[in-house]
Amino acid sequence: MKKPTPSTRSGARWFWILTLLGLFILAIVWFSNPLGKVEDAPTPKTAAQSTEWAPAPEGPAVDVKLPETPMQNPVAQPTKPGGD
């Protein structure tokens, strides 16, 4: 006894295979940019001034007062050998 097979026409199968193949080729052509149109970046009107050669700011400087606390080294606790 033969197993029942789905009733699909071979023409419909080839239609979908060719449609998917066409979409795949169209996607490749789309992403490869066949026309070569590339937008150029706008050229800067003037180059930015280097901060190395920038003039010193004019006017009063910010008053900075640092505390005059002497530095102290923390006393290290001696460790006992043996891991007690």
C-alpha atoms as a PDB file:
ATOM      1  CA  MET A   1       0.000   0.000   0.000  1.00  0.00           C
ATOM      2  CA  LYS A   2       1.312   3.467  -0.921  1.00  0.00           C
ATOM      3  CA  LYS A   3       1.712   6.163   1.688  1.00  0.00           C
ATOM      4  CA  PRO A   4      -0.439   9.209   1.081  1.00  0.00           C
ATOM      5  CA  THR A   5       1.569  12.192  -0.177  1.00  0.00           C
ATOM      6  CA  PRO A   6       0.570  15.813   0.014  1.00  0.00           C
ATOM      7  CA  SER A   7      -1.081  17.037  -3.114  1.00  0.00           C
ATOM      8  CA  THR A   8       1.304  19.775  -4.200  1.00  0.00           C
ATOM      9  CA  ARG A   9       2.084  20.628  -7.744  1.00  0.00           C
ATOM     10  CA  SER A  10       5.705  20.745  -8.817  1.00  0.00           C
ATOM     11  CA  GLY A  11       5.046  24.076 -10.544  1.00  0.00           C
ATOM     12  CA  ALA A  12       4.137  25.715  -7.233  1.00  0.00           C
ATOM     13  CA  ARG A  13       7.272  24.306  -5.619  1.00  0.00           C
ATOM     14  CA  TRP A  14       9.486  25.749  -8.382  1.00  0.00           C
ATOM     15  CA  PHE A  15       7.695  29.093  -8.099  1.00  0.00           C
ATOM     16  CA  TRP A  16       8.600  29.419  -4.421  1.00  0.00           C
ATOM     17  CA  ILE A  17      12.167  28.220  -4.967  1.00  0.00           C
ATOM     18  CA  LEU A  18      12.710  30.794  -7.723  1.00  0.00           C
ATOM     19  CA  THR A  19      10.999  33.536  -5.687  1.00  0.00           C
ATOM     20  CA  LEU A  20      13.238  32.938  -2.681  1.00  0.00           C
ATOM     21  CA  LEU A  21      16.313  32.739  -4.911  1.00  0.00           C
ATOM     22  CA  GLY A  22      15.341  36.027  -6.568  1.00  0.00           C
ATOM     23  CA  LEU A  23      14.879  37.729  -3.195  1.00  0.00           C
ATOM     24  CA  PHE A  24      18.266  36.451  -2.070  1.00  0.00           C
ATOM     25  CA  ILE A  25      19.959  37.806  -5.197  1.00  0.00           C
ATOM     26  CA  LEU A  26      18.114  41.111  -4.823  1.00  0.00           C
ATOM     27  CA  ALA A  27      19.347  41.437  -1.219  1.00  0.00           C
ATOM     28  CA  ILE A  28      22.938  40.797  -2.305  1.00  0.00           C
ATOM     29  CA  VAL A  29      22.680  43.440  -5.039  1.00  0.00           C
ATOM     30  CA  TRP A  30      21.060  45.896  -2.631  1.00  0.00           C
ATOM     31  CA  PHE A  31      23.793  45.587   0.004  1.00  0.00           C
ATOM     32  CA  SER A  32      26.677  45.570  -2.481  1.00  0.00           C
ATOM     33  CA  ASN A  33      25.765  49.108  -3.660  1.00  0.00           C
ATOM     34  CA  PRO A  34      26.229  48.548  -7.403  1.00  0.00           C
ATOM     35  CA  LEU A  35      25.826  52.233  -8.271  1.00  0.00           C
ATOM     36  CA  GLY A  36      28.740  53.218  -6.032  1.00  0.00           C
ATOM     37  CA  LYS A  37      26.989  56.195  -4.485  1.00  0.00           C
ATOM     38  CA  VAL A  38      28.878  57.156  -1.348  1.00  0.00           C
ATOM     39  CA  GLU A  39      28.132  60.339   0.522  1.00  0.00           C
ATOM     40  CA  ASP A  40      31.297  62.257   1.277  1.00  0.00           C
ATOM     41  CA  ALA A  41      31.777  63.710   4.715  1.00  0.00           C
ATOM     42  CA  PRO A  42      31.503  67.495   4.751  1.00  0.00           C
ATOM     43  CA  THR A  43      34.877  69.191   4.843  1.00  0.00           C
ATOM     44  CA  PRO A  44      35.513  71.307   7.941  1.00  0.00           C
ATOM     45  CA  LYS A  45      35.578  75.038   7.263  1.00  0.00           C
ATOM     46  CA  THR A  46      38.444  75.693   9.675  1.00  0.00           C
ATOM     47  CA  ALA A  47      40.696  73.398  11.594  1.00  0.00           C
ATOM     48  CA  ALA A  48      40.195  73.320  15.342  1.00  0.00           C
ATOM     49  CA  GLN A  49      42.758  75.286  17.280  1.00  0.00           C
ATOM     50  CA  SER A  50      45.251  73.158  19.148  1.00  0.00           C
ATOM     51  CA  THR A  51      45.061  73.439  22.929  1.00  0.00           C
ATOM     52  CA  GLU A  52      48.833  73.249  23.047  1.00  0.00           C
ATOM     53  CA  TRP A  53      49.158  76.686  21.474  1.00  0.00           C
ATOM     54  CA  ALA A  54      46.046  78.264  22.983  1.00  0.00           C
ATOM     55  CA  PRO A  55      46.602  81.588  24.763  1.00  0.00           C
ATOM     56  CA  ALA A  56      46.452  81.724  28.544  1.00  0.00           C
ATOM     57  CA  PRO A  57      43.061  82.809  29.900  1.00  0.00           C
ATOM     58  CA  GLU A  58      42.709  86.394  30.983  1.00  0.00           C
ATOM     59  CA  GLY A  59      41.241  87.524  34.272  1.00  0.00           C
ATOM     60  CA  PRO A  60      41.589  86.365  37.860  1.00  0.00           C
ATOM     61  CA  ALA A  61      42.449  82.761  38.523  1.00  0.00           C
ATOM     62  CA  VAL A  62      40.388  80.511  40.770  1.00  0.00           C
ATOM     63  CA  ASP A  63      41.540  80.704  44.375  1.00  0.00           C
ATOM     64  CA  VAL A  64      42.529  77.249  45.587  1.00  0.00           C
ATOM     65  CA  LYS A  65      43.311  76.677  49.249  1.00  0.00           C
ATOM     66  CA  LEU A  66      44.634  73.259  50.109  1.00  0.00           C
ATOM     67  CA  PRO A  67      44.740  72.062  53.709  1.00  0.00           C
ATOM     68  CA  GLU A  68      48.167  72.028  55.304  1.00  0.00           C
ATOM     69  CA  THR A  69      47.874  68.676  57.060  1.00  0.00           C
ATOM     70  CA  PRO A  70      51.122  66.754  57.331  1.00  0.00           C
ATOM     71  CA  MET A  71      51.117  63.269  55.854  1.00  0.00           C
ATOM     72  CA  GLN A  72      51.291  60.368  58.258  1.00  0.00           C
ATOM     73  CA  ASN A  73      52.104  56.769  57.437  1.00  0.00           C
ATOM     74  CA  PRO A  74      49.761  54.214  59.022  1.00  0.00           C
ATOM     75  CA  VAL A  75      51.330  51.824  61.490  1.00  0.00           C
ATOM     76  CA  ALA A  76      51.348  48.320  60.067  1.00  0.00           C
ATOM     77  CA  GLN A  77      50.363  45.508  62.423  1.00  0.00           C
ATOM     78  CA  PRO A  78      52.971  42.727  62.454  1.00  0.00           C
ATOM     79  CA  THR A  79      51.545  39.417  61.350  1.00  0.00           C
ATOM     80  CA  LYS A  80      52.227  36.235  63.238  1.00  0.00           C
ATOM     81  CA  PRO A  81      53.508  33.252  61.270  1.00  0.00           C
ATOM     82  CA  GLY A  82      51.263  30.194  61.429  1.00  0.00           C
ATOM     83  CA  GLY A  83      47.935  31.880  60.561  1.00  0.00           C
ATOM     84  CA  ASP A  84      46.452  32.133  64.091  1.00  0.00           C
END
